C-alpha atoms as a PDB file:
ATOM      1  CA  UNK A   1      -0.037  -0.007   0.018  1.00  0.00           C
ATOM      2  CA  UNK A   2       1.104   3.555  -0.767  1.00  0.00           C
ATOM      3  CA  UNK A   3      -1.377   6.069   0.716  1.00  0.00           C
ATOM      4  CA  UNK A   4      -1.534   9.745   0.071  1.00  0.00           C
ATOM      5  CA  UNK A   5      -3.530  12.321   2.119  1.00  0.00           C
ATOM      6  CA  UNK A   6      -5.208  15.055   0.121  1.00  0.00           C
ATOM      7  CA  UNK A   7      -6.728  18.123   1.730  1.00  0.00           C
ATOM      8  CA  UNK A   8      -9.123  20.159  -0.466  1.00  0.00           C
ATOM      9  CA  UNK A   9      -9.417  23.819   0.428  1.00  0.00           C
ATOM     10  CA  UNK A  10     -10.903  26.876  -1.247  1.00  0.00           C
ATOM     11  CA  UNK A  11     -11.401  30.475  -0.181  1.00  0.00           C
ATOM     12  CA  UNK A  12     -15.143  30.704  -1.005  1.00  0.00           C
ATOM     13  CA  UNK A  13     -17.211  30.301   2.153  1.00  0.00           C
ATOM     14  CA  UNK A  14     -20.487  31.913   2.778  1.00  0.00           C
ATOM     15  CA  UNK A  15     -20.308  31.845   6.546  1.00  0.00           C
ATOM     16  CA  UNK A  16     -16.562  32.395   7.090  1.00  0.00           C
ATOM     17  CA  UNK A  17     -15.022  33.973   4.063  1.00  0.00           C
ATOM     18  CA  UNK A  18     -11.342  33.120   3.443  1.00  0.00           C
ATOM     19  CA  UNK A  19     -11.411  30.558   6.289  1.00  0.00           C
ATOM     20  CA  UNK A  20      -8.395  28.486   5.032  1.00  0.00           C
ATOM     21  CA  UNK A  21      -6.179  31.490   5.980  1.00  0.00           C
ATOM     22  CA  UNK A  22      -7.996  32.299   9.202  1.00  0.00           C
ATOM     23  CA  UNK A  23      -5.352  32.702  11.927  1.00  0.00           C
ATOM     24  CA  UNK A  24      -5.167  29.931  14.574  1.00  0.00           C
ATOM     25  CA  UNK A  25      -2.356  30.461  17.084  1.00  0.00           C
ATOM     26  CA  UNK A  26      -0.158  32.245  14.549  1.00  0.00           C
ATOM     27  CA  UNK A  27      -0.716  29.939  11.632  1.00  0.00           C
ATOM     28  CA  UNK A  28      -3.381  29.783   8.809  1.00  0.00           C
ATOM     29  CA  UNK A  29      -6.049  27.196   9.506  1.00  0.00           C
ATOM     30  CA  UNK A  30      -5.066  25.176   6.426  1.00  0.00           C
ATOM     31  CA  UNK A  31      -1.504  24.824   7.851  1.00  0.00           C
ATOM     32  CA  UNK A  32      -3.035  23.540  11.171  1.00  0.00           C
ATOM     33  CA  UNK A  33      -4.967  20.958   9.207  1.00  0.00           C
ATOM     34  CA  UNK A  34      -1.872  19.981   7.243  1.00  0.00           C
ATOM     35  CA  UNK A  35      -0.032  19.469  10.594  1.00  0.00           C
ATOM     36  CA  UNK A  36      -2.805  17.243  11.906  1.00  0.00           C
ATOM     37  CA  UNK A  37      -2.613  15.202   8.710  1.00  0.00           C
ATOM     38  CA  UNK A  38       1.145  14.773   9.221  1.00  0.00           C
ATOM     39  CA  UNK A  39       0.534  13.679  12.805  1.00  0.00           C
ATOM     40  CA  UNK A  40      -1.696  10.869  11.563  1.00  0.00           C
ATOM     41  CA  UNK A  41       1.429   9.472   9.870  1.00  0.00           C
ATOM     42  CA  UNK A  42      -0.293   7.515   7.184  1.00  0.00           C
ATOM     43  CA  UNK A  43       1.437   8.852   4.066  1.00  0.00           C
ATOM     44  CA  UNK A  44       2.413  11.821   1.982  1.00  0.00           C
ATOM     45  CA  UNK A  45       0.295  14.886   2.548  1.00  0.00           C
ATOM     46  CA  UNK A  46      -0.708  17.390  -0.188  1.00  0.00           C
ATOM     47  CA  UNK A  47      -3.084  20.397  -0.016  1.00  0.00           C
ATOM     48  CA  UNK A  48      -5.336  20.644  -3.029  1.00  0.00           C
ATOM     49  CA  UNK A  49      -5.687  24.445  -3.177  1.00  0.00           C
ATOM     50  CA  UNK A  50      -8.395  26.289  -5.024  1.00  0.00           C
ATOM     51  CA  UNK A  51      -6.379  29.548  -4.970  1.00  0.00           C
ATOM     52  CA  UNK A  52      -2.813  30.446  -5.014  1.00  0.00           C
ATOM     53  CA  UNK A  53      -2.815  32.140  -1.600  1.00  0.00           C
ATOM     54  CA  UNK A  54      -3.685  28.781   0.058  1.00  0.00           C
ATOM     55  CA  UNK A  55      -0.907  26.940  -1.746  1.00  0.00           C
ATOM     56  CA  UNK A  56       1.558  29.692  -0.903  1.00  0.00           C
ATOM     57  CA  UNK A  57       0.610  29.466   2.822  1.00  0.00           C
ATOM     58  CA  UNK A  58       1.248  25.795   2.880  1.00  0.00           C
ATOM     59  CA  UNK A  59       4.505  25.920   1.022  1.00  0.00           C
ATOM     60  CA  UNK A  60       5.696  28.715   3.275  1.00  0.00           C
ATOM     61  CA  UNK A  61       5.150  26.418   6.212  1.00  0.00           C
ATOM     62  CA  UNK A  62       7.213  23.639   4.629  1.00  0.00           C
ATOM     63  CA  UNK A  63       4.307  21.604   3.162  1.00  0.00           C
ATOM     64  CA  UNK A  64       3.389  20.434  -0.301  1.00  0.00           C
ATOM     65  CA  UNK A  65       0.464  21.936  -2.222  1.00  0.00           C
ATOM     66  CA  UNK A  66      -0.937  21.826  -5.770  1.00  0.00           C
ATOM     67  CA  UNK A  67      -3.136  24.430  -7.412  1.00  0.00           C
ATOM     68  CA  UNK A  68      -6.516  23.133  -8.720  1.00  0.00           C
ATOM     69  CA  UNK A  69      -9.333  24.720 -10.665  1.00  0.00           C
ATOM     70  CA  UNK A  70     -11.345  26.976  -8.274  1.00  0.00           C
ATOM     71  CA  UNK A  71     -14.755  25.918  -9.810  1.00  0.00           C
ATOM     72  CA  UNK A  72     -14.960  22.299  -8.680  1.00  0.00           C
ATOM     73  CA  UNK A  73     -18.377  21.346  -7.406  1.00  0.00           C
ATOM     74  CA  UNK A  74     -17.069  19.268  -4.487  1.00  0.00           C
ATOM     75  CA  UNK A  75     -13.952  18.387  -2.571  1.00  0.00           C
ATOM     76  CA  UNK A  76     -13.889  14.933  -4.213  1.00  0.00           C
ATOM     77  CA  UNK A  77     -13.579  16.465  -7.657  1.00  0.00           C
ATOM     78  CA  UNK A  78     -10.798  18.760  -6.301  1.00  0.00           C
ATOM     79  CA  UNK A  79      -8.767  15.903  -4.815  1.00  0.00           C
ATOM     80  CA  UNK A  80      -9.180  13.894  -8.022  1.00  0.00           C
ATOM     81  CA  UNK A  81      -7.604  16.649 -10.107  1.00  0.00           C
ATOM     82  CA  UNK A  82      -4.876  17.082  -7.408  1.00  0.00           C
ATOM     83  CA  UNK A  83      -4.111  13.384  -7.386  1.00  0.00           C
ATOM     84  CA  UNK A  84      -3.665  13.246 -11.086  1.00  0.00           C
ATOM     85  CA  UNK A  85      -1.434  16.331 -11.031  1.00  0.00           C
ATOM     86  CA  UNK A  86       0.905  15.092  -8.249  1.00  0.00           C
ATOM     87  CA  UNK A  87       0.861  11.429  -9.156  1.00  0.00           C
ATOM     88  CA  UNK A  88       0.204  10.967 -12.867  1.00  0.00           C
ATOM     89  CA  UNK A  89       1.928   7.548 -12.845  1.00  0.00           C
ATOM     90  CA  UNK A  90      -0.461   6.129 -10.295  1.00  0.00           C
ATOM     91  CA  UNK A  91       2.114   5.189  -7.615  1.00  0.00           C
ATOM     92  CA  UNK A  92      -0.437   6.080  -4.806  1.00  0.00           C
ATOM     93  CA  UNK A  93      -3.110   3.383  -4.532  1.00  0.00           C
ATOM     94  CA  UNK A  94      -5.003   4.557  -1.394  1.00  0.00           C
ATOM     95  CA  UNK A  95      -6.292   8.142  -0.994  1.00  0.00           C
ATOM     96  CA  UNK A  96      -7.331   9.866   2.311  1.00  0.00           C
ATOM     97  CA  UNK A  97      -9.534  12.915   1.901  1.00  0.00           C
ATOM     98  CA  UNK A  98      -9.356  15.266   4.935  1.00  0.00           C
ATOM     99  CA  UNK A  99     -11.543  18.376   4.881  1.00  0.00           C
ATOM    100  CA  UNK A 100      -9.577  21.614   5.117  1.00  0.00           C
ATOM    101  CA  UNK A 101     -11.598  22.924   8.121  1.00  0.00           C
ATOM    102  CA  UNK A 102     -10.601  20.335  10.704  1.00  0.00           C
ATOM    103  CA  UNK A 103      -7.713  21.914  12.619  1.00  0.00           C
ATOM    104  CA  UNK A 104      -8.182  19.812  15.755  1.00  0.00           C
ATOM    105  CA  UNK A 105      -8.550  16.462  13.967  1.00  0.00           C
ATOM    106  CA  UNK A 106      -7.114  13.591  16.012  1.00  0.00           C
ATOM    107  CA  UNK A 107      -4.762  11.188  14.301  1.00  0.00           C
ATOM    108  CA  UNK A 108      -6.713   8.126  15.432  1.00  0.00           C
ATOM    109  CA  UNK A 109      -9.791   9.296  13.539  1.00  0.00           C
ATOM    110  CA  UNK A 110      -7.694   9.312  10.312  1.00  0.00           C
ATOM    111  CA  UNK A 111      -6.349   5.894  11.098  1.00  0.00           C
ATOM    112  CA  UNK A 112      -9.804   4.475  11.813  1.00  0.00           C
ATOM    113  CA  UNK A 113     -10.913   5.577   8.346  1.00  0.00           C
ATOM    114  CA  UNK A 114      -7.901   4.032   6.802  1.00  0.00           C
ATOM    115  CA  UNK A 115      -8.396   0.676   8.661  1.00  0.00           C
ATOM    116  CA  UNK A 116     -12.082   0.608   7.694  1.00  0.00           C
ATOM    117  CA  UNK A 117     -10.996   0.524   4.123  1.00  0.00           C
ATOM    118  CA  UNK A 118      -7.902  -1.656   4.177  1.00  0.00           C
ATOM    119  CA  UNK A 119      -9.273  -4.460   6.392  1.00  0.00           C
ATOM    120  CA  UNK A 120     -12.025  -5.362   3.829  1.00  0.00           C
ATOM    121  CA  UNK A 121     -10.642  -6.341   0.365  1.00  0.00           C
ATOM    122  CA  UNK A 122     -13.805  -5.485  -1.551  1.00  0.00           C
ATOM    123  CA  UNK A 123     -14.354  -2.132   0.115  1.00  0.00           C
ATOM    124  CA  UNK A 124     -14.191   0.794  -2.275  1.00  0.00           C
ATOM    125  CA  UNK A 125     -14.306   3.567   0.401  1.00  0.00           C
ATOM    126  CA  UNK A 126     -13.883   3.962   4.131  1.00  0.00           C
ATOM    127  CA  UNK A 127     -15.302   6.520   6.545  1.00  0.00           C
ATOM    128  CA  UNK A 128     -16.012   7.034  10.275  1.00  0.00           C
ATOM    129  CA  UNK A 129     -19.002   7.729  12.534  1.00  0.00           C
ATOM    130  CA  UNK A 130     -19.625   8.517  16.186  1.00  0.00           C
ATOM    131  CA  UNK A 131     -22.675   7.838  18.272  1.00  0.00           C
ATOM    132  CA  UNK A 132     -24.947  10.910  18.711  1.00  0.00           C
ATOM    133  CA  UNK A 133     -25.499  11.941  22.358  1.00  0.00           C
ATOM    134  CA  UNK A 134     -27.141  15.272  22.007  1.00  0.00           C
ATOM    135  CA  UNK A 135     -30.840  15.599  21.002  1.00  0.00           C
ATOM    136  CA  UNK A 136     -30.006  18.844  19.211  1.00  0.00           C
ATOM    137  CA  UNK A 137     -27.897  16.893  16.623  1.00  0.00           C
ATOM    138  CA  UNK A 138     -30.881  14.732  15.542  1.00  0.00           C
ATOM    139  CA  UNK A 139     -33.073  17.039  13.415  1.00  0.00           C
ATOM    140  CA  UNK A 140     -32.223  17.423   9.740  1.00  0.00           C
ATOM    141  CA  UNK A 141     -31.727  21.162  10.307  1.00  0.00           C
ATOM    142  CA  UNK A 142     -28.790  20.478  12.691  1.00  0.00           C
ATOM    143  CA  UNK A 143     -26.263  20.111   9.923  1.00  0.00           C
ATOM    144  CA  UNK A 144     -25.302  16.674  11.282  1.00  0.00           C
ATOM    145  CA  UNK A 145     -25.498  13.883   8.707  1.00  0.00           C
ATOM    146  CA  UNK A 146     -26.450  10.384   9.811  1.00  0.00           C
ATOM    147  CA  UNK A 147     -25.881   6.938   8.551  1.00  0.00           C
ATOM    148  CA  UNK A 148     -27.309   3.410   9.000  1.00  0.00           C
ATOM    149  CA  UNK A 149     -24.544   0.764   9.394  1.00  0.00           C
ATOM    150  CA  UNK A 150     -24.557  -3.002   9.423  1.00  0.00           C
ATOM    151  CA  UNK A 151     -22.141  -3.188  12.375  1.00  0.00           C
ATOM    152  CA  UNK A 152     -20.008  -6.249  13.014  1.00  0.00           C
ATOM    153  CA  UNK A 153     -20.588  -8.024  16.354  1.00  0.00           C
ATOM    154  CA  UNK A 154     -17.967  -6.054  18.283  1.00  0.00           C
ATOM    155  CA  UNK A 155     -19.384  -2.819  16.926  1.00  0.00           C
ATOM    156  CA  UNK A 156     -15.966  -1.396  15.737  1.00  0.00           C
ATOM    157  CA  UNK A 157     -16.573  -1.636  12.009  1.00  0.00           C
ATOM    158  CA  UNK A 158     -19.451  -2.145   9.663  1.00  0.00           C
ATOM    159  CA  UNK A 159     -20.873  -1.617   6.176  1.00  0.00           C
ATOM    160  CA  UNK A 160     -22.716   1.547   5.343  1.00  0.00           C
ATOM    161  CA  UNK A 161     -26.312   0.968   4.254  1.00  0.00           C
ATOM    162  CA  UNK A 162     -27.563   4.502   3.847  1.00  0.00           C
ATOM    163  CA  UNK A 163     -26.745   8.139   4.567  1.00  0.00           C
ATOM    164  CA  UNK A 164     -29.361  10.701   5.392  1.00  0.00           C
ATOM    165  CA  UNK A 165     -29.920  14.150   7.032  1.00  0.00           C
ATOM    166  CA  UNK A 166     -32.689  12.503   8.978  1.00  0.00           C
ATOM    167  CA  UNK A 167     -32.129  10.477  12.152  1.00  0.00           C
ATOM    168  CA  UNK A 168     -31.782   6.864  11.002  1.00  0.00           C
ATOM    169  CA  UNK A 169     -32.527   4.102  11.806  1.00  0.00           C
ATOM    170  CA  UNK A 170     -35.893   4.661  13.290  1.00  0.00           C
ATOM    171  CA  UNK A 171     -37.055   2.759  16.396  1.00  0.00           C
ATOM    172  CA  UNK A 172     -34.721   3.518  19.301  1.00  0.00           C
ATOM    173  CA  UNK A 173     -31.422   2.273  17.884  1.00  0.00           C
ATOM    174  CA  UNK A 174     -28.283   4.398  18.352  1.00  0.00           C
ATOM    175  CA  UNK A 175     -28.049   7.136  15.777  1.00  0.00           C
ATOM    176  CA  UNK A 176     -24.606   7.821  14.443  1.00  0.00           C
ATOM    177  CA  UNK A 177     -23.085  11.060  13.332  1.00  0.00           C
ATOM    178  CA  UNK A 178     -21.321  10.717  10.048  1.00  0.00           C
ATOM    179  CA  UNK A 179     -17.940  12.379   9.930  1.00  0.00           C
ATOM    180  CA  UNK A 180     -17.056  13.501   6.505  1.00  0.00           C
ATOM    181  CA  UNK A 181     -13.529  12.047   6.294  1.00  0.00           C
ATOM    182  CA  UNK A 182     -13.031   9.445   3.519  1.00  0.00           C
ATOM    183  CA  UNK A 183     -10.525   6.936   2.268  1.00  0.00           C
ATOM    184  CA  UNK A 184     -10.690   5.457  -1.213  1.00  0.00           C
ATOM    185  CA  UNK A 185      -9.064   2.873  -3.351  1.00  0.00           C
ATOM    186  CA  UNK A 186      -7.757   4.820  -6.322  1.00  0.00           C
ATOM    187  CA  UNK A 187      -9.921   2.968  -8.902  1.00  0.00           C
ATOM    188  CA  UNK A 188     -12.970   3.778  -6.755  1.00  0.00           C
ATOM    189  CA  UNK A 189     -12.138   7.510  -6.602  1.00  0.00           C
ATOM    190  CA  UNK A 190     -11.726   7.538 -10.430  1.00  0.00           C
ATOM    191  CA  UNK A 191     -15.046   5.759 -10.842  1.00  0.00           C
ATOM    192  CA  UNK A 192     -16.846   8.001  -8.395  1.00  0.00           C
ATOM    193  CA  UNK A 193     -15.894  11.281  -9.969  1.00  0.00           C
ATOM    194  CA  UNK A 194     -16.775   9.904 -13.501  1.00  0.00           C
ATOM    195  CA  UNK A 195     -20.292   8.954 -12.433  1.00  0.00           C
ATOM    196  CA  UNK A 196     -23.161  11.517 -12.824  1.00  0.00           C
ATOM    197  CA  UNK A 197     -25.042  12.694  -9.718  1.00  0.00           C
ATOM    198  CA  UNK A 198     -27.486   9.961  -8.692  1.00  0.00           C
ATOM    199  CA  UNK A 199     -31.142  10.401  -7.719  1.00  0.00           C
ATOM    200  CA  UNK A 200     -30.619   9.707  -4.015  1.00  0.00           C
ATOM    201  CA  UNK A 201     -27.609  12.006  -3.993  1.00  0.00           C
ATOM    202  CA  UNK A 202     -29.693  14.737  -5.430  1.00  0.00           C
ATOM    203  CA  UNK A 203     -32.444  14.207  -3.015  1.00  0.00           C
ATOM    204  CA  UNK A 204     -30.422  14.105   0.153  1.00  0.00           C
ATOM    205  CA  UNK A 205     -27.615  16.429  -1.137  1.00  0.00           C
ATOM    206  CA  UNK A 206     -25.134  13.791   0.068  1.00  0.00           C
ATOM    207  CA  UNK A 207     -22.420  12.751  -2.456  1.00  0.00           C
ATOM    208  CA  UNK A 208     -21.596   9.402  -0.875  1.00  0.00           C
ATOM    209  CA  UNK A 209     -25.008   8.079  -1.932  1.00  0.00           C
ATOM    210  CA  UNK A 210     -23.731   8.186  -5.496  1.00  0.00           C
ATOM    211  CA  UNK A 211     -21.229   5.500  -4.498  1.00  0.00           C
ATOM    212  CA  UNK A 212     -23.892   3.409  -2.708  1.00  0.00           C
ATOM    213  CA  UNK A 213     -26.258   3.577  -5.687  1.00  0.00           C
ATOM    214  CA  UNK A 214     -23.472   2.510  -7.964  1.00  0.00           C
ATOM    215  CA  UNK A 215     -22.905  -0.624  -5.812  1.00  0.00           C
ATOM    216  CA  UNK A 216     -19.705   0.556  -4.206  1.00  0.00           C
ATOM    217  CA  UNK A 217     -19.046  -0.805  -0.749  1.00  0.00           C
ATOM    218  CA  UNK A 218     -18.336   1.775   1.988  1.00  0.00           C
ATOM    219  CA  UNK A 219     -16.881   0.445   5.302  1.00  0.00           C
ATOM    220  CA  UNK A 220     -17.308   2.488   8.435  1.00  0.00           C
ATOM    221  CA  UNK A 221     -15.108   2.717  11.534  1.00  0.00           C
ATOM    222  CA  UNK A 222     -16.549   3.724  14.862  1.00  0.00           C
ATOM    223  CA  UNK A 223     -14.885   6.559  16.781  1.00  0.00           C
ATOM    224  CA  UNK A 224     -15.889   8.176  19.995  1.00  0.00           C
ATOM    225  CA  UNK A 225     -15.326  11.912  19.282  1.00  0.00           C
ATOM    226  CA  UNK A 226     -16.437  14.208  16.475  1.00  0.00           C
ATOM    227  CA  UNK A 227     -13.700  16.525  15.213  1.00  0.00           C
ATOM    228  CA  UNK A 228     -14.605  20.246  15.270  1.00  0.00           C
ATOM    229  CA  UNK A 229     -15.428  21.533  11.860  1.00  0.00           C
ATOM    230  CA  UNK A 230     -14.840  25.277  11.520  1.00  0.00           C
ATOM    231  CA  UNK A 231     -17.652  27.034   9.604  1.00  0.00           C
ATOM    232  CA  UNK A 232     -18.408  30.068  11.770  1.00  0.00           C
ATOM    233  CA  UNK A 233     -16.525  32.741  13.809  1.00  0.00           C
ATOM    234  CA  UNK A 234     -17.605  31.004  17.035  1.00  0.00           C
ATOM    235  CA  UNK A 235     -16.236  27.701  15.888  1.00  0.00           C
ATOM    236  CA  UNK A 236     -13.021  29.340  14.881  1.00  0.00           C
ATOM    237  CA  UNK A 237     -12.692  30.771  18.403  1.00  0.00           C
ATOM    238  CA  UNK A 238     -13.363  27.285  19.835  1.00  0.00           C
ATOM    239  CA  UNK A 239     -10.716  25.809  17.700  1.00  0.00           C
ATOM    240  CA  UNK A 240      -8.229  28.426  18.900  1.00  0.00           C
ATOM    241  CA  UNK A 241      -9.051  27.524  22.522  1.00  0.00           C
ATOM    242  CA  UNK A 242      -8.829  23.794  21.961  1.00  0.00           C
ATOM    243  CA  UNK A 243      -5.435  23.989  20.249  1.00  0.00           C
ATOM    244  CA  UNK A 244      -4.115  26.386  22.902  1.00  0.00           C
ATOM    245  CA  UNK A 245      -5.194  23.951  25.607  1.00  0.00           C
ATOM    246  CA  UNK A 246      -3.536  20.978  23.922  1.00  0.00           C
ATOM    247  CA  UNK A 247      -0.117  22.699  23.722  1.00  0.00           C
ATOM    248  CA  UNK A 248       2.457  21.702  26.287  1.00  0.00           C
ATOM    249  CA  UNK A 249       2.779  24.146  29.186  1.00  0.00           C
END
């Protein structure tokens, strides 16, 4: 196996404009995310930048970045372009997609998504999920996506059956928060971006349903914490506090 971690990032954000360059303890947020990806220690790390200023910030910090078209409809399309730019010969066979707004991501979460994929030979993709404990995360308006999983007996890994903005499954079972961190086999990523948007994907506005509708197997690893995604000024302040608290005294 020869994994590569790709981090898609673009400046356009309706709720927090320019957020990849937002300062967190003296460094742009995208640099903090790049550092978390390095700490996971799963492979080469490249930022797939939608604008030159993002790439410049990463390179100035000592990282690797590639400039991609700013108009991609999704992060998946952006990492696909980046992959083919930085690895046209296909040396990297496993791809990790880490969102560019996760500055406090824990390495074990990345490794769980990687293990979910690699432990199952016929899995096309891997991802992670965490049990929902707060009632406020259940409504579809919460912004928390859910998934139904056929868990293995020990509850650590399972096969994704469906993704929804609604709380599923119905009937008192534990509802899981889907964390949007993905791993792919290279052929699966190539296939996914070549497929047109599917009916269920368009209905739920969840891209991973395109893979399920095409018969692609998505394996899920269970984790116990949800990484903070930064979409608002309040979340940015929270990320600053969390990183400050985690630094050695």
